[in-house]
Amino acid sequence: MQPISFPPPAHQGEPNVELIRRQGWSIGTFSGSYCTAWRGSDEVIVEWRFDGWHCIGGRGVFDEG
């Protein structure tokens, strides 16, 4: 029998909230690899992954690039 190999988690590395702040967003709550942020009346939920922040919900336009 061979051991099972699990893929690495999608959120590698330490989350960098400064990348969100540079876009003009204020940080709301922050827990592990998830963060809520708002700008004006827009609010988004983002997840940190190995290549940066990715919007997973909320209302507003969040530049993932």
C-alpha atoms as a PDB file:
ATOM      1  CA  MET A   1       0.000   0.000   0.000  1.00  0.00           C
ATOM      2  CA  GLN A   2       1.312   3.435  -0.926  1.00  0.00           C
ATOM      3  CA  PRO A   3       0.916   6.470   1.347  1.00  0.00           C
ATOM      4  CA  ILE A   4      -1.628   9.085   0.335  1.00  0.00           C
ATOM      5  CA  SER A   5      -0.155  12.368  -0.815  1.00  0.00           C
ATOM      6  CA  PHE A   6      -2.208  15.494  -0.196  1.00  0.00           C
ATOM      7  CA  PRO A   7      -1.716  18.669  -2.265  1.00  0.00           C
ATOM      8  CA  PRO A   8      -0.274  21.659  -0.413  1.00  0.00           C
ATOM      9  CA  PRO A   9      -2.813  24.197   0.868  1.00  0.00           C
ATOM     10  CA  ALA A  10      -3.722  26.981  -1.558  1.00  0.00           C
ATOM     11  CA  HIS A  11      -2.777  29.702   0.930  1.00  0.00           C
ATOM     12  CA  GLN A  12       0.976  29.351   1.296  1.00  0.00           C
ATOM     13  CA  GLY A  13       3.123  32.045   2.838  1.00  0.00           C
ATOM     14  CA  GLU A  14       2.201  34.849   5.168  1.00  0.00           C
ATOM     15  CA  PRO A  15      -0.788  37.000   4.079  1.00  0.00           C
ATOM     16  CA  ASN A  16       0.259  40.522   3.105  1.00  0.00           C
ATOM     17  CA  VAL A  17      -2.487  43.015   4.034  1.00  0.00           C
ATOM     18  CA  GLU A  18      -0.412  45.921   2.689  1.00  0.00           C
ATOM     19  CA  LEU A  19      -1.313  44.759  -0.829  1.00  0.00           C
ATOM     20  CA  ILE A  20      -4.969  45.435   0.034  1.00  0.00           C
ATOM     21  CA  ARG A  21      -4.261  48.798   1.667  1.00  0.00           C
ATOM     22  CA  ARG A  22      -2.317  50.002  -1.381  1.00  0.00           C
ATOM     23  CA  GLN A  23      -5.535  49.695  -3.397  1.00  0.00           C
ATOM     24  CA  GLY A  24      -7.313  52.032  -0.973  1.00  0.00           C
ATOM     25  CA  TRP A  25      -9.129  49.335   1.016  1.00  0.00           C
ATOM     26  CA  SER A  26      -9.438  49.401   4.811  1.00  0.00           C
ATOM     27  CA  ILE A  27      -8.990  46.129   6.640  1.00  0.00           C
ATOM     28  CA  GLY A  28     -12.019  44.859   8.535  1.00  0.00           C
ATOM     29  CA  THR A  29     -11.620  41.467  10.128  1.00  0.00           C
ATOM     30  CA  PHE A  30      -8.651  39.237   9.467  1.00  0.00           C
ATOM     31  CA  SER A  31      -8.578  35.535  10.276  1.00  0.00           C
ATOM     32  CA  GLY A  32      -5.995  33.119   8.944  1.00  0.00           C
ATOM     33  CA  SER A  33      -5.970  33.396   5.165  1.00  0.00           C
ATOM     34  CA  TYR A  34      -9.270  35.356   4.984  1.00  0.00           C
ATOM     35  CA  CYS A  35      -9.889  39.069   5.280  1.00  0.00           C
ATOM     36  CA  THR A  36     -12.793  41.472   4.918  1.00  0.00           C
ATOM     37  CA  ALA A  37     -12.047  44.878   3.498  1.00  0.00           C
ATOM     38  CA  TRP A  38     -14.100  47.929   2.650  1.00  0.00           C
ATOM     39  CA  ARG A  39     -13.744  51.043   0.528  1.00  0.00           C
ATOM     40  CA  GLY A  40     -16.620  53.514   0.645  1.00  0.00           C
ATOM     41  CA  SER A  41     -19.817  51.443   0.518  1.00  0.00           C
ATOM     42  CA  ASP A  42     -18.047  48.453  -1.080  1.00  0.00           C
ATOM     43  CA  GLU A  43     -17.108  45.466   1.041  1.00  0.00           C
ATOM     44  CA  VAL A  44     -15.285  42.346  -0.113  1.00  0.00           C
ATOM     45  CA  ILE A  45     -14.101  39.074   1.340  1.00  0.00           C
ATOM     46  CA  VAL A  46     -10.686  38.033   0.080  1.00  0.00           C
ATOM     47  CA  GLU A  47      -8.561  34.929   0.517  1.00  0.00           C
ATOM     48  CA  TRP A  48      -4.764  34.803   0.539  1.00  0.00           C
ATOM     49  CA  ARG A  49      -3.308  32.220  -1.823  1.00  0.00           C
ATOM     50  CA  PHE A  50       0.298  31.588  -2.784  1.00  0.00           C
ATOM     51  CA  ASP A  51       0.112  34.194  -5.574  1.00  0.00           C
ATOM     52  CA  GLY A  52      -1.793  36.970  -3.747  1.00  0.00           C
ATOM     53  CA  TRP A  53      -5.286  38.017  -2.655  1.00  0.00           C
ATOM     54  CA  HIS A  54      -8.357  36.670  -4.460  1.00  0.00           C
ATOM     55  CA  CYS A  55     -11.881  38.027  -4.040  1.00  0.00           C
ATOM     56  CA  ILE A  56     -14.308  35.311  -2.965  1.00  0.00           C
ATOM     57  CA  GLY A  57     -17.366  37.395  -2.155  1.00  0.00           C
ATOM     58  CA  GLY A  58     -18.945  40.707  -1.305  1.00  0.00           C
ATOM     59  CA  ARG A  59     -19.797  43.731  -3.389  1.00  0.00           C
ATOM     60  CA  GLY A  60     -17.286  45.943  -5.109  1.00  0.00           C
ATOM     61  CA  VAL A  61     -14.482  45.680  -7.602  1.00  0.00           C
ATOM     62  CA  PHE A  62     -11.316  44.181  -6.199  1.00  0.00           C
ATOM     63  CA  ASP A  63      -8.214  44.166  -8.406  1.00  0.00           C
ATOM     64  CA  GLU A  64      -6.559  40.778  -7.957  1.00  0.00           C
ATOM     65  CA  GLY A  65      -3.556  41.715 -10.095  1.00  0.00           C
END
